[in-house]
Every structure is written in structure tokens, then in C-alpha cells.
Amino acid sequence: MKLAFIVDPLDDFKIYKDTTYAIMREAAARGHELYSMQQEDLLWRGGAVFGIASRLHLTGDKKAWYRSEAAAETPLTQFDAVLMRKDPPFDMEYVYSTYLLELAEVQGARVFNRPRAIRDYNEKMAIARFAEFAAPSLVTRKDSLIREFLAQHRDIILKPLDGMGGISVFRVHEADHNVNVIIETVTHYGRRTIMAQRFIPEIRDGDKRVLLIGGEPVPYCLARVPKKGETRGNLAVGGTGTARELTPRDREIAAALGPTFAKEGLLLVGLDVIGDYLTEVNVTSPTCFQEITEQTGFNVAGMMLDKIEAETKAPQGRAGTKAP
């Protein structure tokens, strides 16, 4: 197969932990051709969507890990699969890319994850679709409603809807002297909508990343345990990742949500679960493949490639969906 990856600059990859690299490595081992492009390499003209793509070869070297050929303008329909692996922020440029990729789907390209589904599933707001699994939460930009929520739950988390990696996430106690400035900061003085969630004490045991591939759960999650004195478990802010088998509650959530994601074209989804509660749904570029594989021996990238290979062989319906 010819696989095209839409990625951040290759020289910025940390290949010892990067999930996209793990997928590339597995694909190369299976004999598939790899191509890479960045977000700005997508374009539409003459009624077709193209990517300025470079053939990519993995060298096996830890530093100079790739060799690329000269870039060429290629219709996205010429690839067997296009993997959108650009990291957030999910800004308007990201949205424009999904418009282009959706046009490519109409023309017959296979795009994973499906562009419309990426747009529809804001990674914070998505839990509202599955409220029965979520901790008590509030979405608003009104100071008064946030204060009411704080008075009710006494210990809460505030976070922007467009954040990533634990950026601008605050834990607020009822007696906190900085409540005013925190709310003003996070909401930009009432101009930005945010999410408030009741604090979940089980964060001390880790913020679990539960991966779904083709609607099926990977049997292990990565519990990201906060460092001492920290509330956030994100690896980007110093959390420690420990692979664990899924709990019965993890499997319950995965079984309930997996079919919906698969039906909507979300091949790879990362659920964030703290204790018994779903806190986020990651659909842009979920990670943790390498950590889980190294600690358990389970080939997560292999499961991903199995699904991609199966999807590309299946009949294709309207707008890039699998035919019924």
C-alpha cells in the first residue's frame, strides 16, 4: 500500500516515543510505501485535492532516522490511505485542512480519522455525548455559573476547550484566594468558553489513556501518574506512564463508545479515563503506542495496521465511508 502521513515537521519527531513513527515503522516492516507531507502541503485546484508529498524511507538510525525523496504534487486519491496525524492546536488552519480532506474523500480518498468526525468531536466537549460516563461537568464562559459549580463541588478543574498536554488546566478549591484571577485567566474575562469538572481524587493513580482501534480496545492502557505536587498526569508536564491491563470499568466504557466511533469513521481514538470517569475523547493524533508496547509486548501499531489494511480492502461508500 501507499500510505500518506500528514504530520508535523519530521525533524521535530522524538522517535523513541512518537506514535506516528511507530505506525510508520510497522508499515515499513510490512512492505508498505511511506509518504509524508505537512498541513501546508494540502491544496485544491482544478477540482481535485493534492498533497505535496515526499517518499519517505526509514533508516533505522536514531538521529538521522529518515531519508526523503524530492516532493511531488500528488492527488490524494493515488494513496491507499491518508493518515491525518497533525498534532493540535485545533485551530482554523486545522479546520481548513479537514475541509480539504473531506473533499478528497468525496473524490475517493481514504482518510483516517475521518475529517468530518475530527471536526465534530471536540476533545473536551465530546464527553457530553456520553454524559452517563462523565464526572459532573459544566461548559460555560459565565463567571457566575462557574462560581455556582465551585460552591456545589468545592474542588474542581477548569480547562479551555482547545487545550492540549495539560496547558492552562487549573485545579480550584472553594477557599482558594486566587479564584477570581484563575477564572478571569481561563475565560479571558468571559470571552472564552471553558469546561469545569468536579475534581476526581483517583488522579493520584493516573489519568488512563484507553486506546480504541476500529472500535476495539487495546487490552492495555497507559496510566499517566502525576509527579509529586502536580494535579495533571500529562506526560508533557512530567507525568509518569505506566501500562496496565484495562479494568472492567475501562472495558465497559470502551464497549459502549467503540461502535459509535467506528461507525463515524474514527479509526483511532484515545479515551482519557480517571477512576471510573471519562474525562476526554482524543481524536486528532492519539498517542501512547510505544509506551504500551515497550512495557507489555503488545504490538499496538500492528493492531493499527491490521485495521488500516482491512479498511482499504473494504468497499467504499459515499464520502469515504465503508459501504454497508
C-alpha atoms as a PDB file:
ATOM      1  CA  MET A   1       0.000   0.000   0.000  1.00  0.00           C
ATOM      2  CA  LYS A   2       0.919   3.645  -0.401  1.00  0.00           C
ATOM      3  CA  LEU A   3       0.383   5.430   2.909  1.00  0.00           C
ATOM      4  CA  ALA A   4       0.493   9.220   3.184  1.00  0.00           C
ATOM      5  CA  PHE A   5       1.061  10.812   6.589  1.00  0.00           C
ATOM      6  CA  ILE A   6       0.102  14.428   7.298  1.00  0.00           C
ATOM      7  CA  VAL A   7       2.458  15.302  10.118  1.00  0.00           C
ATOM      8  CA  ASP A   8       4.388  17.974  11.966  1.00  0.00           C
ATOM      9  CA  PRO A   9       7.975  18.596  10.788  1.00  0.00           C
ATOM     10  CA  LEU A  10       9.842  15.293  10.720  1.00  0.00           C
ATOM     11  CA  ASP A  11      12.912  16.786  12.371  1.00  0.00           C
ATOM     12  CA  ASP A  12      10.809  17.524  15.460  1.00  0.00           C
ATOM     13  CA  PHE A  13       9.865  13.864  15.975  1.00  0.00           C
ATOM     14  CA  LYS A  14      11.033  12.181  19.192  1.00  0.00           C
ATOM     15  CA  ILE A  15      11.149   8.753  17.645  1.00  0.00           C
ATOM     16  CA  TYR A  16      11.757   6.945  20.952  1.00  0.00           C
ATOM     17  CA  LYS A  17       8.174   7.701  21.928  1.00  0.00           C
ATOM     18  CA  ASP A  18       6.353   9.056  18.875  1.00  0.00           C
ATOM     19  CA  THR A  19       3.208   7.142  17.925  1.00  0.00           C
ATOM     20  CA  THR A  20       3.248   8.244  14.280  1.00  0.00           C
ATOM     21  CA  TYR A  21       6.791   6.913  13.976  1.00  0.00           C
ATOM     22  CA  ALA A  22       5.650   3.600  15.473  1.00  0.00           C
ATOM     23  CA  ILE A  23       2.918   3.348  12.823  1.00  0.00           C
ATOM     24  CA  MET A  24       5.403   4.224  10.079  1.00  0.00           C
ATOM     25  CA  ARG A  25       7.893   1.638  11.322  1.00  0.00           C
ATOM     26  CA  GLU A  26       5.255  -1.106  11.383  1.00  0.00           C
ATOM     27  CA  ALA A  27       4.034  -0.134   7.920  1.00  0.00           C
ATOM     28  CA  ALA A  28       7.566  -0.179   6.508  1.00  0.00           C
ATOM     29  CA  ALA A  29       8.187  -3.589   8.064  1.00  0.00           C
ATOM     30  CA  ARG A  30       5.151  -4.864   6.171  1.00  0.00           C
ATOM     31  CA  GLY A  31       6.497  -3.528   2.888  1.00  0.00           C
ATOM     32  CA  HIS A  32       4.207  -0.535   2.501  1.00  0.00           C
ATOM     33  CA  GLU A  33       5.395   2.691   0.873  1.00  0.00           C
ATOM     34  CA  LEU A  34       5.527   5.758   3.127  1.00  0.00           C
ATOM     35  CA  TYR A  35       4.916   9.358   2.098  1.00  0.00           C
ATOM     36  CA  SER A  36       4.899  12.463   4.261  1.00  0.00           C
ATOM     37  CA  MET A  37       3.534  15.965   3.958  1.00  0.00           C
ATOM     38  CA  GLN A  38       2.719  18.826   6.266  1.00  0.00           C
ATOM     39  CA  GLN A  39      -0.525  20.682   6.698  1.00  0.00           C
ATOM     40  CA  GLU A  40       0.532  23.492   4.370  1.00  0.00           C
ATOM     41  CA  ASP A  41       1.204  20.952   1.615  1.00  0.00           C
ATOM     42  CA  LEU A  42      -2.521  20.311   1.096  1.00  0.00           C
ATOM     43  CA  LEU A  43      -4.132  22.161  -1.807  1.00  0.00           C
ATOM     44  CA  TRP A  44      -7.127  22.164  -4.115  1.00  0.00           C
ATOM     45  CA  ARG A  45      -7.146  23.182  -7.761  1.00  0.00           C
ATOM     46  CA  GLY A  46      -8.692  22.018 -10.978  1.00  0.00           C
ATOM     47  CA  GLY A  47     -11.391  20.246  -8.988  1.00  0.00           C
ATOM     48  CA  ALA A  48      -9.006  17.892  -7.144  1.00  0.00           C
ATOM     49  CA  VAL A  49      -7.222  17.792  -3.785  1.00  0.00           C
ATOM     50  CA  PHE A  50      -3.457  17.284  -3.889  1.00  0.00           C
ATOM     51  CA  GLY A  51      -0.657  16.896  -1.406  1.00  0.00           C
ATOM     52  CA  ILE A  52       2.947  17.931  -1.976  1.00  0.00           C
ATOM     53  CA  ALA A  53       4.283  14.622  -0.709  1.00  0.00           C
ATOM     54  CA  SER A  54       7.757  13.136  -0.299  1.00  0.00           C
ATOM     55  CA  ARG A  55       8.537   9.430  -0.442  1.00  0.00           C
ATOM     56  CA  LEU A  56       9.944   8.529   2.959  1.00  0.00           C
ATOM     57  CA  HIS A  57      12.484   5.837   3.827  1.00  0.00           C
ATOM     58  CA  LEU A  58      13.293   4.843   7.412  1.00  0.00           C
ATOM     59  CA  THR A  59      16.990   4.386   8.023  1.00  0.00           C
ATOM     60  CA  GLY A  60      16.989   2.669  11.423  1.00  0.00           C
ATOM     61  CA  ASP A  61      19.344   5.343  12.753  1.00  0.00           C
ATOM     62  CA  LYS A  62      18.263   7.044  15.970  1.00  0.00           C
ATOM     63  CA  LYS A  63      19.324  10.523  14.839  1.00  0.00           C
ATOM     64  CA  ALA A  64      19.125  10.680  11.060  1.00  0.00           C
ATOM     65  CA  TRP A  65      16.080   8.430  11.182  1.00  0.00           C
ATOM     66  CA  TYR A  66      14.662   9.124   7.743  1.00  0.00           C
ATOM     67  CA  ARG A  67      15.612   9.847   4.168  1.00  0.00           C
ATOM     68  CA  SER A  68      13.150  11.601   1.893  1.00  0.00           C
ATOM     69  CA  GLU A  69      12.924  11.898  -1.868  1.00  0.00           C
ATOM     70  CA  ALA A  70      12.008  15.048  -3.781  1.00  0.00           C
ATOM     71  CA  ALA A  71       8.463  16.205  -3.089  1.00  0.00           C
ATOM     72  CA  ALA A  72       5.861  15.874  -5.820  1.00  0.00           C
ATOM     73  CA  GLU A  73       2.323  17.197  -6.145  1.00  0.00           C
ATOM     74  CA  THR A  74       0.155  14.082  -5.908  1.00  0.00           C
ATOM     75  CA  PRO A  75      -3.636  13.630  -5.909  1.00  0.00           C
ATOM     76  CA  LEU A  76      -4.661  12.222  -2.545  1.00  0.00           C
ATOM     77  CA  THR A  77      -6.721   9.589  -4.360  1.00  0.00           C
ATOM     78  CA  GLN A  78      -3.461   7.984  -5.513  1.00  0.00           C
ATOM     79  CA  PHE A  79      -2.699   6.887  -1.945  1.00  0.00           C
ATOM     80  CA  ASP A  80      -4.310   3.801  -0.452  1.00  0.00           C
ATOM     81  CA  ALA A  81      -4.711   5.625   2.858  1.00  0.00           C
ATOM     82  CA  VAL A  82      -4.123   9.153   4.147  1.00  0.00           C
ATOM     83  CA  LEU A  83      -3.440   9.418   7.890  1.00  0.00           C
ATOM     84  CA  MET A  84      -4.103  12.780   9.493  1.00  0.00           C
ATOM     85  CA  ARG A  85      -1.508  12.858  12.277  1.00  0.00           C
ATOM     86  CA  LYS A  86      -1.005  16.593  12.722  1.00  0.00           C
ATOM     87  CA  ASP A  87      -0.882  17.444  16.414  1.00  0.00           C
ATOM     88  CA  PRO A  88      -3.137  20.124  17.900  1.00  0.00           C
ATOM     89  CA  PRO A  89      -3.719  23.006  18.404  1.00  0.00           C
ATOM     90  CA  PHE A  90      -7.033  22.517  16.652  1.00  0.00           C
ATOM     91  CA  ASP A  91      -7.162  25.992  15.129  1.00  0.00           C
ATOM     92  CA  MET A  92      -8.766  27.326  11.958  1.00  0.00           C
ATOM     93  CA  GLU A  93      -5.860  26.067   9.844  1.00  0.00           C
ATOM     94  CA  TYR A  94      -6.630  22.595  11.164  1.00  0.00           C
ATOM     95  CA  VAL A  95     -10.288  23.096  10.250  1.00  0.00           C
ATOM     96  CA  TYR A  96      -9.354  24.201   6.731  1.00  0.00           C
ATOM     97  CA  SER A  97      -7.293  21.031   6.372  1.00  0.00           C
ATOM     98  CA  THR A  98     -10.313  18.925   7.288  1.00  0.00           C
ATOM     99  CA  TYR A  99     -12.336  20.707   4.582  1.00  0.00           C
ATOM    100  CA  LEU A 100      -9.712  19.775   2.002  1.00  0.00           C
ATOM    101  CA  LEU A 101      -9.508  16.210   3.270  1.00  0.00           C
ATOM    102  CA  GLU A 102     -13.278  15.879   3.176  1.00  0.00           C
ATOM    103  CA  LEU A 103     -13.258  16.952  -0.473  1.00  0.00           C
ATOM    104  CA  ALA A 104     -10.587  14.319  -1.094  1.00  0.00           C
ATOM    105  CA  GLU A 105     -12.866  11.723   0.486  1.00  0.00           C
ATOM    106  CA  VAL A 106     -15.668  12.618  -1.923  1.00  0.00           C
ATOM    107  CA  GLN A 107     -13.199  12.013  -4.742  1.00  0.00           C
ATOM    108  CA  GLY A 108     -12.413   8.555  -3.350  1.00  0.00           C
ATOM    109  CA  ALA A 109      -9.502   9.030  -0.945  1.00  0.00           C
ATOM    110  CA  ARG A 110      -9.404   7.012   2.294  1.00  0.00           C
ATOM    111  CA  VAL A 111      -8.682   9.375   5.184  1.00  0.00           C
ATOM    112  CA  PHE A 112      -8.128   8.299   8.803  1.00  0.00           C
ATOM    113  CA  ASN A 113      -9.507   9.706  11.033  1.00  0.00           C
ATOM    114  CA  ARG A 114     -12.457  10.888   9.002  1.00  0.00           C
ATOM    115  CA  PRO A 115     -12.209  14.701   8.663  1.00  0.00           C
ATOM    116  CA  ARG A 116     -15.835  15.465   9.497  1.00  0.00           C
ATOM    117  CA  ALA A 117     -15.652  13.311  12.618  1.00  0.00           C
ATOM    118  CA  ILE A 118     -12.494  15.114  13.752  1.00  0.00           C
ATOM    119  CA  ARG A 119     -14.369  18.405  13.469  1.00  0.00           C
ATOM    120  CA  ASP A 120     -17.462  17.071  15.219  1.00  0.00           C
ATOM    121  CA  TYR A 121     -15.612  15.624  18.208  1.00  0.00           C
ATOM    122  CA  ASN A 122     -14.060  18.448  20.175  1.00  0.00           C
ATOM    123  CA  GLU A 123     -11.794  16.552  22.542  1.00  0.00           C
ATOM    124  CA  LYS A 124     -13.264  18.157  25.658  1.00  0.00           C
ATOM    125  CA  MET A 125     -16.894  18.634  24.578  1.00  0.00           C
ATOM    126  CA  ALA A 126     -17.220  15.092  23.215  1.00  0.00           C
ATOM    127  CA  ILE A 127     -17.893  13.723  26.703  1.00  0.00           C
ATOM    128  CA  ALA A 128     -21.272  15.482  26.564  1.00  0.00           C
ATOM    129  CA  ARG A 129     -22.388  12.797  24.102  1.00  0.00           C
ATOM    130  CA  PHE A 130     -21.652  10.160  26.734  1.00  0.00           C
ATOM    131  CA  ALA A 131     -22.650  12.015  29.901  1.00  0.00           C
ATOM    132  CA  GLU A 132     -23.527   8.800  31.720  1.00  0.00           C
ATOM    133  CA  PHE A 133     -19.802   8.004  31.904  1.00  0.00           C
ATOM    134  CA  ALA A 134     -18.556  11.510  32.717  1.00  0.00           C
ATOM    135  CA  ALA A 135     -17.883  13.234  36.026  1.00  0.00           C
ATOM    136  CA  PRO A 136     -20.151  16.224  36.821  1.00  0.00           C
ATOM    137  CA  SER A 137     -19.166  18.887  34.310  1.00  0.00           C
ATOM    138  CA  LEU A 138     -20.109  22.361  33.161  1.00  0.00           C
ATOM    139  CA  VAL A 139     -19.386  24.182  29.896  1.00  0.00           C
ATOM    140  CA  THR A 140     -19.780  27.943  30.009  1.00  0.00           C
ATOM    141  CA  ARG A 141     -17.944  31.252  29.939  1.00  0.00           C
ATOM    142  CA  LYS A 142     -20.075  32.870  32.627  1.00  0.00           C
ATOM    143  CA  ASP A 143     -18.255  33.683  35.857  1.00  0.00           C
ATOM    144  CA  SER A 144     -21.411  33.283  37.970  1.00  0.00           C
ATOM    145  CA  LEU A 145     -22.097  29.747  36.738  1.00  0.00           C
ATOM    146  CA  ILE A 146     -18.510  28.666  37.347  1.00  0.00           C
ATOM    147  CA  ARG A 147     -18.751  30.006  40.891  1.00  0.00           C
ATOM    148  CA  GLU A 148     -22.012  28.123  41.464  1.00  0.00           C
ATOM    149  CA  PHE A 149     -20.345  24.938  40.211  1.00  0.00           C
ATOM    150  CA  LEU A 150     -17.396  25.536  42.534  1.00  0.00           C
ATOM    151  CA  ALA A 151     -19.705  26.130  45.506  1.00  0.00           C
ATOM    152  CA  GLN A 152     -21.508  22.876  44.743  1.00  0.00           C
ATOM    153  CA  HIS A 153     -18.443  20.650  44.292  1.00  0.00           C
ATOM    154  CA  ARG A 154     -15.837  22.617  46.308  1.00  0.00           C
ATOM    155  CA  ASP A 155     -12.878  21.181  44.389  1.00  0.00           C
ATOM    156  CA  ILE A 156     -12.906  21.479  40.596  1.00  0.00           C
ATOM    157  CA  ILE A 157     -10.792  21.513  37.449  1.00  0.00           C
ATOM    158  CA  LEU A 158     -11.001  24.350  34.894  1.00  0.00           C
ATOM    159  CA  LYS A 159      -9.665  23.880  31.374  1.00  0.00           C
ATOM    160  CA  PRO A 160     -10.002  25.512  27.936  1.00  0.00           C
ATOM    161  CA  LEU A 161     -11.851  23.573  25.247  1.00  0.00           C
ATOM    162  CA  ASP A 162      -8.967  23.917  22.787  1.00  0.00           C
ATOM    163  CA  GLY A 163      -6.069  22.978  25.050  1.00  0.00           C
ATOM    164  CA  MET A 164      -3.652  20.061  24.870  1.00  0.00           C
ATOM    165  CA  GLY A 165      -0.958  18.490  27.004  1.00  0.00           C
ATOM    166  CA  GLY A 166      -2.335  19.919  30.245  1.00  0.00           C
ATOM    167  CA  ILE A 167      -1.804  23.534  29.142  1.00  0.00           C
ATOM    168  CA  SER A 168      -3.856  26.100  31.128  1.00  0.00           C
ATOM    169  CA  VAL A 169      -5.515  23.442  33.300  1.00  0.00           C
ATOM    170  CA  PHE A 170      -6.229  24.717  36.820  1.00  0.00           C
ATOM    171  CA  ARG A 171      -7.374  22.997  39.980  1.00  0.00           C
ATOM    172  CA  VAL A 172      -9.501  25.358  42.111  1.00  0.00           C
ATOM    173  CA  HIS A 173     -10.600  24.911  45.738  1.00  0.00           C
ATOM    174  CA  GLU A 174     -13.523  26.732  47.281  1.00  0.00           C
ATOM    175  CA  ALA A 175     -11.200  28.559  49.712  1.00  0.00           C
ATOM    176  CA  ASP A 176      -8.613  29.436  47.065  1.00  0.00           C
ATOM    177  CA  HIS A 177      -7.675  33.124  47.277  1.00  0.00           C
ATOM    178  CA  ASN A 178      -6.902  33.166  43.551  1.00  0.00           C
ATOM    179  CA  VAL A 179     -10.341  32.089  42.316  1.00  0.00           C
ATOM    180  CA  ASN A 180     -11.069  35.446  40.678  1.00  0.00           C
ATOM    181  CA  VAL A 181      -7.866  35.674  38.695  1.00  0.00           C
ATOM    182  CA  ILE A 182      -7.979  31.999  37.668  1.00  0.00           C
ATOM    183  CA  ILE A 183     -11.494  32.314  36.251  1.00  0.00           C
ATOM    184  CA  GLU A 184     -10.564  35.581  34.526  1.00  0.00           C
ATOM    185  CA  THR A 185      -7.449  33.987  33.056  1.00  0.00           C
ATOM    186  CA  VAL A 186      -9.061  30.795  31.796  1.00  0.00           C
ATOM    187  CA  THR A 187     -12.160  32.507  30.363  1.00  0.00           C
ATOM    188  CA  HIS A 188     -10.270  35.562  29.051  1.00  0.00           C
ATOM    189  CA  TYR A 189     -12.608  37.757  31.088  1.00  0.00           C
ATOM    190  CA  GLY A 190     -15.702  35.943  29.880  1.00  0.00           C
ATOM    191  CA  ARG A 191     -14.741  35.845  26.204  1.00  0.00           C
ATOM    192  CA  ARG A 192     -13.741  32.171  26.035  1.00  0.00           C
ATOM    193  CA  THR A 193     -15.917  29.142  26.799  1.00  0.00           C
ATOM    194  CA  ILE A 194     -14.308  26.603  29.132  1.00  0.00           C
ATOM    195  CA  MET A 195     -15.080  23.312  30.848  1.00  0.00           C
ATOM    196  CA  ALA A 196     -15.320  22.822  34.601  1.00  0.00           C
ATOM    197  CA  GLN A 197     -15.229  19.307  36.046  1.00  0.00           C
ATOM    198  CA  ARG A 198     -15.503  18.011  39.557  1.00  0.00           C
ATOM    199  CA  PHE A 199     -12.033  17.040  40.739  1.00  0.00           C
ATOM    200  CA  ILE A 200     -11.541  13.264  40.682  1.00  0.00           C
ATOM    201  CA  PRO A 201      -9.212  12.155  43.525  1.00  0.00           C
ATOM    202  CA  GLU A 202      -8.312   8.963  41.644  1.00  0.00           C
ATOM    203  CA  ILE A 203      -5.998  11.077  39.506  1.00  0.00           C
ATOM    204  CA  ARG A 204      -3.354  10.070  42.054  1.00  0.00           C
ATOM    205  CA  ASP A 205      -3.497   6.598  40.447  1.00  0.00           C
ATOM    206  CA  GLY A 206      -3.161   8.024  36.967  1.00  0.00           C
ATOM    207  CA  ASP A 207      -5.005   9.560  34.046  1.00  0.00           C
ATOM    208  CA  LYS A 208      -5.554   6.463  31.888  1.00  0.00           C
ATOM    209  CA  ARG A 209      -5.258   6.599  28.107  1.00  0.00           C
ATOM    210  CA  VAL A 210      -7.516   3.858  26.739  1.00  0.00           C
ATOM    211  CA  LEU A 211      -6.949   3.322  23.019  1.00  0.00           C
ATOM    212  CA  LEU A 212      -9.684   2.211  20.627  1.00  0.00           C
ATOM    213  CA  ILE A 213      -8.687   0.998  17.163  1.00  0.00           C
ATOM    214  CA  GLY A 214     -11.520   0.320  14.759  1.00  0.00           C
ATOM    215  CA  GLY A 215     -13.884   0.437  17.724  1.00  0.00           C
ATOM    216  CA  GLU A 216     -11.978  -2.255  19.623  1.00  0.00           C
ATOM    217  CA  PRO A 217      -9.967  -1.562  22.782  1.00  0.00           C
ATOM    218  CA  VAL A 218      -6.251  -2.192  23.044  1.00  0.00           C
ATOM    219  CA  PRO A 219      -6.075  -4.575  26.064  1.00  0.00           C
ATOM    220  CA  TYR A 220      -3.705  -2.276  27.951  1.00  0.00           C
ATOM    221  CA  CYS A 221      -3.958   1.401  28.833  1.00  0.00           C
ATOM    222  CA  LEU A 222      -1.237   3.858  29.807  1.00  0.00           C
ATOM    223  CA  ALA A 223      -1.845   5.350  33.255  1.00  0.00           C
ATOM    224  CA  ARG A 224      -0.133   8.737  33.390  1.00  0.00           C
ATOM    225  CA  VAL A 225       0.614   9.357  37.052  1.00  0.00           C
ATOM    226  CA  PRO A 226       1.202  12.980  38.149  1.00  0.00           C
ATOM    227  CA  LYS A 227       4.532  13.885  39.621  1.00  0.00           C
ATOM    228  CA  LYS A 228       4.622  14.954  43.266  1.00  0.00           C
ATOM    229  CA  GLY A 229       2.823  18.231  43.870  1.00  0.00           C
ATOM    230  CA  GLU A 230       1.099  18.147  40.473  1.00  0.00           C
ATOM    231  CA  THR A 231      -2.567  17.542  39.589  1.00  0.00           C
ATOM    232  CA  ARG A 232      -2.046  16.888  35.881  1.00  0.00           C
ATOM    233  CA  GLY A 233      -0.901  13.487  34.700  1.00  0.00           C
ATOM    234  CA  ASN A 234       0.074  14.540  31.175  1.00  0.00           C
ATOM    235  CA  LEU A 235       3.463  13.208  30.106  1.00  0.00           C
ATOM    236  CA  ALA A 236       4.220  16.655  28.668  1.00  0.00           C
ATOM    237  CA  VAL A 237       4.210  18.143  32.191  1.00  0.00           C
ATOM    238  CA  GLY A 238       6.205  15.408  33.892  1.00  0.00           C
ATOM    239  CA  GLY A 239       3.723  12.590  34.441  1.00  0.00           C
ATOM    240  CA  THR A 240       4.999   9.010  34.505  1.00  0.00           C
ATOM    241  CA  GLY A 241       3.408   6.500  32.132  1.00  0.00           C
ATOM    242  CA  THR A 242       2.679   3.007  33.455  1.00  0.00           C
ATOM    243  CA  ALA A 243       0.983   0.400  31.269  1.00  0.00           C
ATOM    244  CA  ARG A 244      -1.842  -1.545  32.913  1.00  0.00           C
ATOM    245  CA  GLU A 245      -4.497  -4.014  31.891  1.00  0.00           C
ATOM    246  CA  LEU A 246      -7.909  -2.469  31.333  1.00  0.00           C
ATOM    247  CA  THR A 247     -10.246  -2.584  34.308  1.00  0.00           C
ATOM    248  CA  PRO A 248     -13.835  -3.848  33.962  1.00  0.00           C
ATOM    249  CA  ARG A 249     -14.986  -0.200  34.017  1.00  0.00           C
ATOM    250  CA  ASP A 250     -12.491   0.725  31.286  1.00  0.00           C
ATOM    251  CA  ARG A 251     -13.851  -2.111  29.154  1.00  0.00           C
ATOM    252  CA  GLU A 252     -17.430  -1.078  29.863  1.00  0.00           C
ATOM    253  CA  ILE A 253     -16.766   2.450  28.618  1.00  0.00           C
ATOM    254  CA  ALA A 254     -14.836   1.174  25.589  1.00  0.00           C
ATOM    255  CA  ALA A 255     -17.587  -1.295  24.664  1.00  0.00           C
ATOM    256  CA  ALA A 256     -20.264   1.394  24.915  1.00  0.00           C
ATOM    257  CA  LEU A 257     -18.412   4.027  22.884  1.00  0.00           C
ATOM    258  CA  GLY A 258     -16.380   1.955  20.417  1.00  0.00           C
ATOM    259  CA  PRO A 259     -19.154   1.107  17.924  1.00  0.00           C
ATOM    260  CA  THR A 260     -20.192   4.769  17.673  1.00  0.00           C
ATOM    261  CA  PHE A 261     -16.655   5.904  16.898  1.00  0.00           C
ATOM    262  CA  ALA A 262     -16.108   3.157  14.333  1.00  0.00           C
ATOM    263  CA  LYS A 263     -19.396   3.964  12.579  1.00  0.00           C
ATOM    264  CA  GLU A 264     -18.449   7.637  12.321  1.00  0.00           C
ATOM    265  CA  GLY A 265     -15.052   6.929  10.787  1.00  0.00           C
ATOM    266  CA  LEU A 266     -12.827   7.422  13.835  1.00  0.00           C
ATOM    267  CA  LEU A 267     -10.332   4.609  13.331  1.00  0.00           C
ATOM    268  CA  LEU A 268      -8.103   5.641  16.238  1.00  0.00           C
ATOM    269  CA  VAL A 269      -9.464   7.189  19.445  1.00  0.00           C
ATOM    270  CA  GLY A 270      -7.822   7.811  22.795  1.00  0.00           C
ATOM    271  CA  LEU A 271     -10.175   7.867  25.778  1.00  0.00           C
ATOM    272  CA  ASP A 272      -8.968   9.608  28.917  1.00  0.00           C
ATOM    273  CA  VAL A 273     -10.358   7.882  31.997  1.00  0.00           C
ATOM    274  CA  ILE A 274      -9.711   8.901  35.602  1.00  0.00           C
ATOM    275  CA  GLY A 275     -11.018   6.422  38.137  1.00  0.00           C
ATOM    276  CA  ASP A 276     -14.400   5.400  36.752  1.00  0.00           C
ATOM    277  CA  TYR A 277     -14.982   8.577  34.742  1.00  0.00           C
ATOM    278  CA  LEU A 278     -14.492   9.515  31.107  1.00  0.00           C
ATOM    279  CA  THR A 279     -12.848  12.967  31.007  1.00  0.00           C
ATOM    280  CA  GLU A 280     -11.810  13.488  27.357  1.00  0.00           C
ATOM    281  CA  VAL A 281     -12.038  11.892  23.912  1.00  0.00           C
ATOM    282  CA  ASN A 282      -8.881  12.334  21.795  1.00  0.00           C
ATOM    283  CA  VAL A 283      -9.389  12.082  18.026  1.00  0.00           C
ATOM    284  CA  THR A 284      -6.730  14.291  16.410  1.00  0.00           C
ATOM    285  CA  SER A 285      -3.488  12.373  16.971  1.00  0.00           C
ATOM    286  CA  PRO A 286      -3.814   9.961  19.931  1.00  0.00           C
ATOM    287  CA  THR A 287      -0.530   8.721  21.356  1.00  0.00           C
ATOM    288  CA  CYS A 288       0.984   6.176  23.809  1.00  0.00           C
ATOM    289  CA  PHE A 289       1.586   3.325  21.328  1.00  0.00           C
ATOM    290  CA  GLN A 290       5.275   2.937  22.086  1.00  0.00           C
ATOM    291  CA  GLU A 291       4.973   3.118  25.874  1.00  0.00           C
ATOM    292  CA  ILE A 292       2.320   0.396  25.929  1.00  0.00           C
ATOM    293  CA  THR A 293       4.226  -1.848  23.514  1.00  0.00           C
ATOM    294  CA  GLU A 294       7.547  -1.493  25.349  1.00  0.00           C
ATOM    295  CA  GLN A 295       6.024  -2.297  28.738  1.00  0.00           C
ATOM    296  CA  THR A 296       3.642  -5.112  27.739  1.00  0.00           C
ATOM    297  CA  GLY A 297       4.896  -6.544  24.443  1.00  0.00           C
ATOM    298  CA  PHE A 298       1.518  -5.932  22.804  1.00  0.00           C
ATOM    299  CA  ASN A 299       2.055  -4.577  19.281  1.00  0.00           C
ATOM    300  CA  VAL A 300      -0.307  -1.598  19.225  1.00  0.00           C
ATOM    301  CA  ALA A 301       0.976  -0.351  15.864  1.00  0.00           C
ATOM    302  CA  GLY A 302       0.419  -3.847  14.479  1.00  0.00           C
ATOM    303  CA  MET A 303      -3.228  -3.699  15.550  1.00  0.00           C
ATOM    304  CA  MET A 304      -3.483  -0.295  13.866  1.00  0.00           C
ATOM    305  CA  LEU A 305      -2.010  -1.554  10.585  1.00  0.00           C
ATOM    306  CA  ASP A 306      -4.279  -4.602  10.638  1.00  0.00           C
ATOM    307  CA  LYS A 307      -7.274  -2.249  10.761  1.00  0.00           C
ATOM    308  CA  ILE A 308      -5.935   0.070   8.057  1.00  0.00           C
ATOM    309  CA  GLU A 309      -5.256  -2.871   5.748  1.00  0.00           C
ATOM    310  CA  ALA A 310      -8.763  -4.231   6.351  1.00  0.00           C
ATOM    311  CA  GLU A 311     -10.382  -0.829   5.780  1.00  0.00           C
ATOM    312  CA  THR A 312      -8.575  -0.207   2.499  1.00  0.00           C
ATOM    313  CA  LYS A 313      -9.718  -3.582   1.161  1.00  0.00           C
ATOM    314  CA  ALA A 314     -13.368  -2.968   2.071  1.00  0.00           C
ATOM    315  CA  PRO A 315     -15.815  -1.433  -0.442  1.00  0.00           C
ATOM    316  CA  GLN A 316     -16.046   2.313  -0.144  1.00  0.00           C
ATOM    317  CA  GLY A 317     -19.364   4.139   0.138  1.00  0.00           C
ATOM    318  CA  ARG A 318     -20.299   7.783  -0.161  1.00  0.00           C
ATOM    319  CA  ALA A 319     -17.846  10.387   1.149  1.00  0.00           C
ATOM    320  CA  GLY A 320     -15.162   7.868   2.008  1.00  0.00           C
ATOM    321  CA  THR A 321     -17.273   5.710   4.312  1.00  0.00           C
ATOM    322  CA  LYS A 322     -17.282   1.937   4.179  1.00  0.00           C
ATOM    323  CA  ALA A 323     -20.218   0.681   2.194  1.00  0.00           C
ATOM    324  CA  PRO A 324     -22.964  -1.073   4.191  1.00  0.00           C
END
